[in-house]
All heavy atoms as atom14 arrays in JSON, in Angstrom:
{
  "sequence": "FETDADFYNHIMMPRQNFARIRDKRNTLGKHSILWIIVGLKLNYYQ",
  "atom14_mask": [
    [1, 1, 1, 1, 1, 1, 1, 1, 1, 1, 1, 0, 0, 0],
    [1, 1, 1, 1, 1, 1, 1, 1, 1, 0, 0, 0, 0, 0],
    [1, 1, 1, 1, 1, 1, 1, 0, 0, 0, 0, 0, 0, 0],
    [1, 1, 1, 1, 1, 1, 1, 1, 0, 0, 0, 0, 0, 0],
    [1, 1, 1, 1, 1, 0, 0, 0, 0, 0, 0, 0, 0, 0],
    [1, 1, 1, 1, 1, 1, 1, 1, 0, 0, 0, 0, 0, 0],
    [1, 1, 1, 1, 1, 1, 1, 1, 1, 1, 1, 0, 0, 0],
    [1, 1, 1, 1, 1, 1, 1, 1, 1, 1, 1, 1, 0, 0],
    [1, 1, 1, 1, 1, 1, 1, 1, 0, 0, 0, 0, 0, 0],
    [1, 1, 1, 1, 1, 1, 1, 1, 1, 1, 0, 0, 0, 0],
    [1, 1, 1, 1, 1, 1, 1, 1, 0, 0, 0, 0, 0, 0],
    [1, 1, 1, 1, 1, 1, 1, 1, 0, 0, 0, 0, 0, 0],
    [1, 1, 1, 1, 1, 1, 1, 1, 0, 0, 0, 0, 0, 0],
    [1, 1, 1, 1, 1, 1, 1, 0, 0, 0, 0, 0, 0, 0],
    [1, 1, 1, 1, 1, 1, 1, 1, 1, 1, 1, 0, 0, 0],
    [1, 1, 1, 1, 1, 1, 1, 1, 1, 0, 0, 0, 0, 0],
    [1, 1, 1, 1, 1, 1, 1, 1, 0, 0, 0, 0, 0, 0],
    [1, 1, 1, 1, 1, 1, 1, 1, 1, 1, 1, 0, 0, 0],
    [1, 1, 1, 1, 1, 0, 0, 0, 0, 0, 0, 0, 0, 0],
    [1, 1, 1, 1, 1, 1, 1, 1, 1, 1, 1, 0, 0, 0],
    [1, 1, 1, 1, 1, 1, 1, 1, 0, 0, 0, 0, 0, 0],
    [1, 1, 1, 1, 1, 1, 1, 1, 1, 1, 1, 0, 0, 0],
    [1, 1, 1, 1, 1, 1, 1, 1, 0, 0, 0, 0, 0, 0],
    [1, 1, 1, 1, 1, 1, 1, 1, 1, 0, 0, 0, 0, 0],
    [1, 1, 1, 1, 1, 1, 1, 1, 1, 1, 1, 0, 0, 0],
    [1, 1, 1, 1, 1, 1, 1, 1, 0, 0, 0, 0, 0, 0],
    [1, 1, 1, 1, 1, 1, 1, 0, 0, 0, 0, 0, 0, 0],
    [1, 1, 1, 1, 1, 1, 1, 1, 0, 0, 0, 0, 0, 0],
    [1, 1, 1, 1, 0, 0, 0, 0, 0, 0, 0, 0, 0, 0],
    [1, 1, 1, 1, 1, 1, 1, 1, 1, 0, 0, 0, 0, 0],
    [1, 1, 1, 1, 1, 1, 1, 1, 1, 1, 0, 0, 0, 0],
    [1, 1, 1, 1, 1, 1, 0, 0, 0, 0, 0, 0, 0, 0],
    [1, 1, 1, 1, 1, 1, 1, 1, 0, 0, 0, 0, 0, 0],
    [1, 1, 1, 1, 1, 1, 1, 1, 0, 0, 0, 0, 0, 0],
    [1, 1, 1, 1, 1, 1, 1, 1, 1, 1, 1, 1, 1, 1],
    [1, 1, 1, 1, 1, 1, 1, 1, 0, 0, 0, 0, 0, 0],
    [1, 1, 1, 1, 1, 1, 1, 1, 0, 0, 0, 0, 0, 0],
    [1, 1, 1, 1, 1, 1, 1, 0, 0, 0, 0, 0, 0, 0],
    [1, 1, 1, 1, 0, 0, 0, 0, 0, 0, 0, 0, 0, 0],
    [1, 1, 1, 1, 1, 1, 1, 1, 0, 0, 0, 0, 0, 0],
    [1, 1, 1, 1, 1, 1, 1, 1, 1, 0, 0, 0, 0, 0],
    [1, 1, 1, 1, 1, 1, 1, 1, 0, 0, 0, 0, 0, 0],
    [1, 1, 1, 1, 1, 1, 1, 1, 0, 0, 0, 0, 0, 0],
    [1, 1, 1, 1, 1, 1, 1, 1, 1, 1, 1, 1, 0, 0],
    [1, 1, 1, 1, 1, 1, 1, 1, 1, 1, 1, 1, 0, 0],
    [1, 1, 1, 1, 1, 1, 1, 1, 1, 0, 0, 0, 0, 0]
  ],
  "atom14_positions": [
    [[104.1, 132.62, 94.05], [102.79, 132.44, 93.44], [101.7, 132.86, 94.43], [101.64, 132.36, 95.55], [102.6, 130.98, 93.01], [103.54, 130.54, 91.93], [104.68, 129.79, 92.23], [103.3, 130.89, 90.61], [105.56, 129.4, 91.25], [104.18, 130.5, 89.61], [105.32, 129.76, 89.92], [0.0, 0.0, 0.0], [0.0, 0.0, 0.0], [0.0, 0.0, 0.0]],
    [[100.83, 133.76, 93.99], [99.79, 134.3, 94.87], [98.65, 133.32, 95.09], [98.06, 133.26, 96.17], [99.24, 135.61, 94.28], [100.27, 136.72, 94.14], [100.54, 137.42, 95.46], [99.79, 137.17, 96.41], [101.5, 138.21, 95.52], [0.0, 0.0, 0.0], [0.0, 0.0, 0.0], [0.0, 0.0, 0.0], [0.0, 0.0, 0.0], [0.0, 0.0, 0.0]],
    [[98.3, 132.57, 94.06], [97.16, 131.65, 94.13], [97.51, 130.32, 93.47], [98.5, 130.22, 92.73], [95.93, 132.24, 93.41], [96.22, 132.35, 92.01], [95.57, 133.61, 93.98], [0.0, 0.0, 0.0], [0.0, 0.0, 0.0], [0.0, 0.0, 0.0], [0.0, 0.0, 0.0], [0.0, 0.0, 0.0], [0.0, 0.0, 0.0], [0.0, 0.0, 0.0]],
    [[96.65, 129.32, 93.72], [96.82, 128.04, 93.04], [96.8, 128.23, 91.52], [97.61, 127.64, 90.8], [95.69, 127.08, 93.43], [95.81, 126.59, 94.87], [96.77, 126.99, 95.55], [94.93, 125.82, 95.3], [0.0, 0.0, 0.0], [0.0, 0.0, 0.0], [0.0, 0.0, 0.0], [0.0, 0.0, 0.0], [0.0, 0.0, 0.0], [0.0, 0.0, 0.0]],
    [[95.85, 129.05, 91.06], [95.69, 129.26, 89.62], [96.95, 129.85, 89.0], [97.33, 129.48, 87.87], [94.49, 130.15, 89.35], [0.0, 0.0, 0.0], [0.0, 0.0, 0.0], [0.0, 0.0, 0.0], [0.0, 0.0, 0.0], [0.0, 0.0, 0.0], [0.0, 0.0, 0.0], [0.0, 0.0, 0.0], [0.0, 0.0, 0.0], [0.0, 0.0, 0.0]],
    [[97.58, 130.78, 89.71], [98.83, 131.36, 89.2], [99.85, 130.25, 88.92], [100.56, 130.28, 87.9], [99.43, 132.33, 90.22], [98.67, 133.63, 90.29], [97.9, 133.92, 89.35], [98.83, 134.36, 91.29], [0.0, 0.0, 0.0], [0.0, 0.0, 0.0], [0.0, 0.0, 0.0], [0.0, 0.0, 0.0], [0.0, 0.0, 0.0], [0.0, 0.0, 0.0]],
    [[99.91, 129.28, 89.83], [100.92, 128.23, 89.7], [100.54, 127.22, 88.63], [101.34, 126.94, 87.73], [101.13, 127.51, 91.03], [102.06, 126.34, 90.91], [103.39, 126.53, 90.57], [101.61, 125.04, 91.11], [104.27, 125.46, 90.43], [102.48, 123.97, 90.98], [103.8, 124.17, 90.64], [0.0, 0.0, 0.0], [0.0, 0.0, 0.0], [0.0, 0.0, 0.0]],
    [[99.32, 126.64, 88.69], [99.03, 125.57, 87.73], [98.93, 126.09, 86.3], [99.2, 125.37, 85.34], [97.82, 124.72, 88.14], [96.47, 125.37, 88.24], [95.79, 125.84, 87.12], [95.82, 125.44, 89.47], [94.53, 126.4, 87.22], [94.57, 126.0, 89.59], [93.92, 126.47, 88.46], [92.66, 127.04, 88.58], [0.0, 0.0, 0.0], [0.0, 0.0, 0.0]],
    [[98.59, 127.37, 86.14], [98.63, 127.97, 84.8], [100.07, 128.16, 84.35], [100.39, 127.98, 83.16], [97.89, 129.31, 84.79], [96.39, 129.14, 84.85], [95.84, 128.15, 84.37], [95.7, 130.11, 85.44], [0.0, 0.0, 0.0], [0.0, 0.0, 0.0], [0.0, 0.0, 0.0], [0.0, 0.0, 0.0], [0.0, 0.0, 0.0], [0.0, 0.0, 0.0]],
    [[100.94, 128.52, 85.29], [102.35, 128.73, 84.96], [103.01, 127.45, 84.45], [103.83, 127.5, 83.52], [103.09, 129.23, 86.21], [104.57, 129.37, 86.03], [105.15, 130.38, 85.3], [105.61, 128.6, 86.49], [106.47, 130.24, 85.31], [106.78, 129.17, 86.01], [0.0, 0.0, 0.0], [0.0, 0.0, 0.0], [0.0, 0.0, 0.0], [0.0, 0.0, 0.0]],
    [[102.65, 126.32, 85.05], [103.26, 125.05, 84.63], [102.39, 124.32, 83.6], [102.7, 123.19, 83.22], [103.55, 124.13, 85.83], [102.26, 123.68, 86.52], [104.47, 124.82, 86.82], [102.48, 122.61, 87.58], [0.0, 0.0, 0.0], [0.0, 0.0, 0.0], [0.0, 0.0, 0.0], [0.0, 0.0, 0.0], [0.0, 0.0, 0.0], [0.0, 0.0, 0.0]],
    [[101.3, 124.96, 83.18], [100.4, 124.41, 82.16], [99.79, 123.07, 82.56], [99.68, 122.14, 81.76], [101.12, 124.31, 80.81], [101.46, 125.66, 80.22], [102.27, 125.58, 78.61], [103.94, 125.18, 79.12], [0.0, 0.0, 0.0], [0.0, 0.0, 0.0], [0.0, 0.0, 0.0], [0.0, 0.0, 0.0], [0.0, 0.0, 0.0], [0.0, 0.0, 0.0]],
    [[99.44, 122.96, 83.85], [98.76, 121.76, 84.34], [97.26, 122.02, 84.36], [96.81, 123.08, 84.81], [99.23, 121.41, 85.76], [98.47, 120.25, 86.39], [99.08, 119.8, 88.04], [100.51, 118.8, 87.59], [0.0, 0.0, 0.0], [0.0, 0.0, 0.0], [0.0, 0.0, 0.0], [0.0, 0.0, 0.0], [0.0, 0.0, 0.0], [0.0, 0.0, 0.0]],
    [[96.45, 121.08, 83.89], [94.99, 121.28, 83.91], [94.47, 121.54, 85.33], [94.93, 120.9, 86.28], [94.45, 119.95, 83.36], [95.57, 119.39, 82.54], [96.82, 119.8, 83.24], [0.0, 0.0, 0.0], [0.0, 0.0, 0.0], [0.0, 0.0, 0.0], [0.0, 0.0, 0.0], [0.0, 0.0, 0.0], [0.0, 0.0, 0.0], [0.0, 0.0, 0.0]],
    [[93.53, 122.46, 85.45], [92.99, 122.81, 86.76], [92.39, 121.6, 87.46], [92.57, 121.41, 88.66], [91.91, 123.9, 86.59], [91.22, 124.3, 87.9], [90.11, 125.3, 87.66], [89.08, 124.75, 86.8], [88.11, 123.95, 87.21], [88.03, 123.58, 88.48], [87.2, 123.5, 86.36], [0.0, 0.0, 0.0], [0.0, 0.0, 0.0], [0.0, 0.0, 0.0]],
    [[91.67, 120.76, 86.7], [91.04, 119.59, 87.31], [92.07, 118.64, 87.91], [91.82, 117.98, 88.92], [90.19, 118.84, 86.26], [89.05, 119.66, 85.69], [89.47, 120.46, 84.46], [90.66, 120.74, 84.28], [88.49, 120.84, 83.65], [0.0, 0.0, 0.0], [0.0, 0.0, 0.0], [0.0, 0.0, 0.0], [0.0, 0.0, 0.0], [0.0, 0.0, 0.0]],
    [[93.22, 118.58, 87.29], [94.3, 117.71, 87.77], [94.86, 118.24, 89.09], [94.95, 117.51, 90.08], [95.41, 117.64, 86.71], [96.28, 116.42, 86.88], [96.07, 115.61, 87.76], [97.27, 116.29, 86.03], [0.0, 0.0, 0.0], [0.0, 0.0, 0.0], [0.0, 0.0, 0.0], [0.0, 0.0, 0.0], [0.0, 0.0, 0.0], [0.0, 0.0, 0.0]],
    [[95.22, 119.52, 89.1], [95.8, 120.11, 90.3], [94.8, 120.08, 91.46], [95.19, 119.9, 92.63], [96.22, 121.55, 90.02], [96.97, 122.2, 91.16], [98.35, 122.07, 91.27], [96.29, 122.92, 92.14], [99.03, 122.65, 92.32], [96.96, 123.51, 93.19], [98.35, 123.37, 93.28], [0.0, 0.0, 0.0], [0.0, 0.0, 0.0], [0.0, 0.0, 0.0]],
    [[93.51, 120.26, 91.16], [92.49, 120.34, 92.21], [92.4, 119.08, 93.05], [91.93, 119.11, 94.19], [91.12, 120.65, 91.58], [0.0, 0.0, 0.0], [0.0, 0.0, 0.0], [0.0, 0.0, 0.0], [0.0, 0.0, 0.0], [0.0, 0.0, 0.0], [0.0, 0.0, 0.0], [0.0, 0.0, 0.0], [0.0, 0.0, 0.0], [0.0, 0.0, 0.0]],
    [[92.88, 117.95, 92.53], [92.83, 116.7, 93.29], [93.67, 116.76, 94.56], [93.43, 116.02, 95.51], [93.32, 115.54, 92.42], [92.44, 115.24, 91.22], [93.04, 114.12, 90.4], [92.31, 113.9, 89.16], [92.71, 113.07, 88.2], [93.83, 112.37, 88.38], [92.01, 112.93, 87.11], [0.0, 0.0, 0.0], [0.0, 0.0, 0.0], [0.0, 0.0, 0.0]],
    [[94.66, 117.65, 94.57], [95.52, 117.77, 95.75], [94.73, 118.23, 96.96], [95.04, 117.88, 98.1], [96.67, 118.77, 95.48], [97.54, 118.26, 94.35], [97.52, 118.98, 96.73], [98.64, 119.22, 93.96], [0.0, 0.0, 0.0], [0.0, 0.0, 0.0], [0.0, 0.0, 0.0], [0.0, 0.0, 0.0], [0.0, 0.0, 0.0], [0.0, 0.0, 0.0]],
    [[93.7, 119.02, 96.74], [92.93, 119.56, 97.86], [92.05, 118.51, 98.52], [91.57, 118.71, 99.63], [92.06, 120.72, 97.37], [92.82, 121.86, 96.71], [91.92, 123.05, 96.48], [92.52, 124.02, 95.59], [92.23, 124.15, 94.3], [91.33, 123.34, 93.75], [92.82, 125.06, 93.56], [0.0, 0.0, 0.0], [0.0, 0.0, 0.0], [0.0, 0.0, 0.0]],
    [[91.83, 117.41, 97.83], [91.0, 116.33, 98.37], [91.79, 115.55, 99.4], [92.95, 115.21, 99.18], [90.58, 115.41, 97.22], [89.5, 114.44, 97.61], [89.55, 113.92, 98.74], [88.6, 114.19, 96.79], [0.0, 0.0, 0.0], [0.0, 0.0, 0.0], [0.0, 0.0, 0.0], [0.0, 0.0, 0.0], [0.0, 0.0, 0.0], [0.0, 0.0, 0.0]],
    [[91.17, 115.24, 100.54], [91.84, 114.46, 101.59], [92.33, 113.13, 101.06], [93.35, 112.6, 101.51], [90.89, 114.22, 102.76], [90.6, 115.45, 103.61], [89.71, 115.08, 104.79], [89.41, 116.31, 105.64], [88.55, 115.97, 106.8], [0.0, 0.0, 0.0], [0.0, 0.0, 0.0], [0.0, 0.0, 0.0], [0.0, 0.0, 0.0], [0.0, 0.0, 0.0]],
    [[91.63, 112.58, 100.09], [92.01, 111.27, 99.56], [93.21, 111.39, 98.62], [93.91, 110.41, 98.39], [90.82, 110.65, 98.81], [89.65, 110.3, 99.72], [88.42, 110.02, 98.91], [87.97, 111.23, 98.2], [86.9, 111.26, 97.4], [86.2, 110.17, 97.22], [86.55, 112.37, 96.81], [0.0, 0.0, 0.0], [0.0, 0.0, 0.0], [0.0, 0.0, 0.0]],
    [[93.44, 112.57, 98.07], [94.57, 112.86, 97.18], [94.8, 111.75, 96.16], [95.6, 110.84, 96.35], [95.86, 113.08, 97.98], [97.04, 113.33, 97.04], [96.87, 113.92, 95.99], [98.21, 112.89, 97.44], [0.0, 0.0, 0.0], [0.0, 0.0, 0.0], [0.0, 0.0, 0.0], [0.0, 0.0, 0.0], [0.0, 0.0, 0.0], [0.0, 0.0, 0.0]],
    [[94.09, 111.83, 95.05], [94.2, 110.8, 94.01], [95.19, 111.2, 92.92], [95.18, 110.62, 91.84], [92.82, 110.57, 93.38], [92.32, 111.81, 92.86], [91.84, 110.03, 94.4], [0.0, 0.0, 0.0], [0.0, 0.0, 0.0], [0.0, 0.0, 0.0], [0.0, 0.0, 0.0], [0.0, 0.0, 0.0], [0.0, 0.0, 0.0], [0.0, 0.0, 0.0]],
    [[96.05, 112.18, 93.21], [97.0, 112.64, 92.2], [98.11, 111.61, 92.02], [98.7, 111.14, 92.99], [97.6, 113.98, 92.65], [98.1, 114.92, 91.53], [96.97, 115.24, 90.57], [98.65, 116.19, 92.13], [0.0, 0.0, 0.0], [0.0, 0.0, 0.0], [0.0, 0.0, 0.0], [0.0, 0.0, 0.0], [0.0, 0.0, 0.0], [0.0, 0.0, 0.0]],
    [[98.41, 111.27, 90.77], [99.43, 110.28, 90.47], [100.84, 110.84, 90.58], [101.05, 112.05, 90.65], [0.0, 0.0, 0.0], [0.0, 0.0, 0.0], [0.0, 0.0, 0.0], [0.0, 0.0, 0.0], [0.0, 0.0, 0.0], [0.0, 0.0, 0.0], [0.0, 0.0, 0.0], [0.0, 0.0, 0.0], [0.0, 0.0, 0.0], [0.0, 0.0, 0.0]],
    [[101.81, 109.94, 90.55], [103.22, 110.34, 90.69], [103.66, 111.24, 89.53], [104.46, 112.16, 89.73], [104.09, 109.09, 90.74], [105.56, 109.38, 91.01], [106.35, 108.08, 91.14], [107.81, 108.34, 91.44], [108.57, 107.09, 91.56], [0.0, 0.0, 0.0], [0.0, 0.0, 0.0], [0.0, 0.0, 0.0], [0.0, 0.0, 0.0], [0.0, 0.0, 0.0]],
    [[103.15, 110.98, 88.33], [103.47, 111.81, 87.17], [103.16, 113.28, 87.46], [103.99, 114.17, 87.21], [102.66, 111.33, 85.97], [102.77, 112.19, 84.74], [103.86, 112.15, 83.92], [101.93, 113.11, 84.22], [103.69, 113.01, 82.92], [102.52, 113.6, 83.08], [0.0, 0.0, 0.0], [0.0, 0.0, 0.0], [0.0, 0.0, 0.0], [0.0, 0.0, 0.0]],
    [[101.99, 113.54, 88.03], [101.59, 114.92, 88.33], [102.37, 115.5, 89.5], [102.69, 116.69, 89.51], [100.09, 114.98, 88.63], [99.33, 114.62, 87.5], [0.0, 0.0, 0.0], [0.0, 0.0, 0.0], [0.0, 0.0, 0.0], [0.0, 0.0, 0.0], [0.0, 0.0, 0.0], [0.0, 0.0, 0.0], [0.0, 0.0, 0.0], [0.0, 0.0, 0.0]],
    [[102.68, 114.67, 90.49], [103.48, 115.15, 91.63], [104.86, 115.59, 91.15], [105.36, 116.65, 91.55], [103.61, 114.04, 92.7], [102.24, 113.69, 93.29], [104.58, 114.48, 93.8], [101.58, 114.83, 94.05], [0.0, 0.0, 0.0], [0.0, 0.0, 0.0], [0.0, 0.0, 0.0], [0.0, 0.0, 0.0], [0.0, 0.0, 0.0], [0.0, 0.0, 0.0]],
    [[105.47, 114.8, 90.28], [106.78, 115.18, 89.74], [106.67, 116.44, 88.88], [107.57, 117.28, 88.89], [107.36, 114.03, 88.92], [107.85, 112.82, 89.72], [108.21, 111.67, 88.78], [109.05, 113.18, 90.59], [0.0, 0.0, 0.0], [0.0, 0.0, 0.0], [0.0, 0.0, 0.0], [0.0, 0.0, 0.0], [0.0, 0.0, 0.0], [0.0, 0.0, 0.0]],
    [[105.59, 116.57, 88.16], [105.33, 117.77, 87.35], [105.33, 119.01, 88.25], [105.95, 120.02, 87.94], [103.99, 117.58, 86.67], [103.59, 118.59, 85.64], [104.16, 119.81, 85.4], [102.53, 118.44, 84.69], [103.5, 120.45, 84.37], [102.5, 119.62, 83.92], [101.6, 117.45, 84.44], [101.56, 119.82, 82.9], [100.67, 117.65, 83.42], [100.66, 118.82, 82.66]],
    [[104.65, 118.91, 89.37], [104.58, 120.03, 90.32], [105.95, 120.31, 90.94], [106.37, 121.47, 91.07], [103.55, 119.72, 91.43], [102.12, 119.73, 90.84], [103.65, 120.72, 92.58], [101.06, 119.2, 91.77], [0.0, 0.0, 0.0], [0.0, 0.0, 0.0], [0.0, 0.0, 0.0], [0.0, 0.0, 0.0], [0.0, 0.0, 0.0], [0.0, 0.0, 0.0]],
    [[106.67, 119.25, 91.31], [108.0, 119.41, 91.91], [108.93, 120.15, 90.96], [109.63, 121.1, 91.35], [108.58, 118.02, 92.25], [107.89, 117.46, 93.5], [110.09, 118.1, 92.49], [108.23, 116.01, 93.8], [0.0, 0.0, 0.0], [0.0, 0.0, 0.0], [0.0, 0.0, 0.0], [0.0, 0.0, 0.0], [0.0, 0.0, 0.0], [0.0, 0.0, 0.0]],
    [[108.95, 119.72, 89.7], [109.82, 120.36, 88.71], [109.34, 121.79, 88.43], [110.15, 122.71, 88.28], [109.86, 119.53, 87.41], [110.63, 120.28, 86.33], [110.51, 118.18, 87.67], [0.0, 0.0, 0.0], [0.0, 0.0, 0.0], [0.0, 0.0, 0.0], [0.0, 0.0, 0.0], [0.0, 0.0, 0.0], [0.0, 0.0, 0.0], [0.0, 0.0, 0.0]],
    [[108.02, 121.97, 88.38], [107.48, 123.31, 88.15], [107.86, 124.29, 89.25], [108.06, 125.49, 88.99], [0.0, 0.0, 0.0], [0.0, 0.0, 0.0], [0.0, 0.0, 0.0], [0.0, 0.0, 0.0], [0.0, 0.0, 0.0], [0.0, 0.0, 0.0], [0.0, 0.0, 0.0], [0.0, 0.0, 0.0], [0.0, 0.0, 0.0], [0.0, 0.0, 0.0]],
    [[107.98, 123.79, 90.47], [108.39, 124.62, 91.61], [109.91, 124.76, 91.73], [110.4, 125.52, 92.55], [107.84, 124.03, 92.92], [106.34, 124.2, 93.17], [105.89, 123.33, 94.34], [106.0, 125.67, 93.43], [0.0, 0.0, 0.0], [0.0, 0.0, 0.0], [0.0, 0.0, 0.0], [0.0, 0.0, 0.0], [0.0, 0.0, 0.0], [0.0, 0.0, 0.0]],
    [[110.65, 123.98, 90.92], [112.12, 124.0, 90.95], [112.65, 123.71, 92.35], [113.55, 124.38, 92.85], [112.65, 125.35, 90.45], [112.2, 125.71, 89.05], [112.77, 127.07, 88.63], [112.28, 127.47, 87.26], [112.81, 128.8, 86.83], [0.0, 0.0, 0.0], [0.0, 0.0, 0.0], [0.0, 0.0, 0.0], [0.0, 0.0, 0.0], [0.0, 0.0, 0.0]],
    [[112.09, 122.68, 92.98], [112.51, 122.33, 94.33], [113.89, 121.69, 94.33], [114.32, 121.12, 93.32], [111.5, 121.35, 94.95], [110.06, 121.85, 95.09], [109.2, 120.79, 95.77], [109.99, 123.16, 95.87], [0.0, 0.0, 0.0], [0.0, 0.0, 0.0], [0.0, 0.0, 0.0], [0.0, 0.0, 0.0], [0.0, 0.0, 0.0], [0.0, 0.0, 0.0]],
    [[114.61, 121.79, 95.46], [115.86, 121.06, 95.58], [115.55, 119.6, 95.91], [114.39, 119.23, 96.15], [116.8, 121.71, 96.61], [116.23, 121.7, 98.02], [115.6, 120.73, 98.46], [116.45, 122.77, 98.77], [0.0, 0.0, 0.0], [0.0, 0.0, 0.0], [0.0, 0.0, 0.0], [0.0, 0.0, 0.0], [0.0, 0.0, 0.0], [0.0, 0.0, 0.0]],
    [[116.59, 118.77, 95.96], [116.37, 117.33, 96.11], [115.71, 116.99, 97.45], [114.82, 116.14, 97.53], [117.69, 116.57, 95.97], [117.5, 115.08, 95.91], [117.02, 114.46, 94.77], [117.8, 114.28, 97.02], [116.85, 113.09, 94.71], [117.63, 112.9, 96.97], [117.15, 112.32, 95.82], [116.97, 110.96, 95.76], [0.0, 0.0, 0.0], [0.0, 0.0, 0.0]],
    [[116.16, 117.66, 98.5], [115.59, 117.41, 99.82], [114.09, 117.73, 99.83], [113.27, 116.96, 100.34], [116.32, 118.24, 100.86], [115.72, 118.15, 102.25], [115.96, 117.05, 103.05], [114.91, 119.17, 102.74], [115.41, 116.95, 104.33], [114.34, 119.07, 104.0], [114.6, 117.97, 104.78], [114.04, 117.87, 106.03], [0.0, 0.0, 0.0], [0.0, 0.0, 0.0]],
    [[113.73, 118.87, 99.26], [112.32, 119.26, 99.2], [111.52, 118.3, 98.34], [110.39, 117.92, 98.69], [112.21, 120.68, 98.66], [112.81, 121.75, 99.57], [112.96, 123.1, 98.87], [113.1, 123.17, 97.63], [112.95, 124.17, 99.64], [0.0, 0.0, 0.0], [0.0, 0.0, 0.0], [0.0, 0.0, 0.0], [0.0, 0.0, 0.0], [0.0, 0.0, 0.0]]
  ]
}
């Protein structure tokens, strides 16, 4: 994925939701974190 937009559009996650990751406070919930993990097709260790 070249950009953030390429990825969050690919997994159909709202931009406002993904953008929370960039905040130092990171208010993203576990539901969204798992969404990203599955969207990236990470292995269990990752």
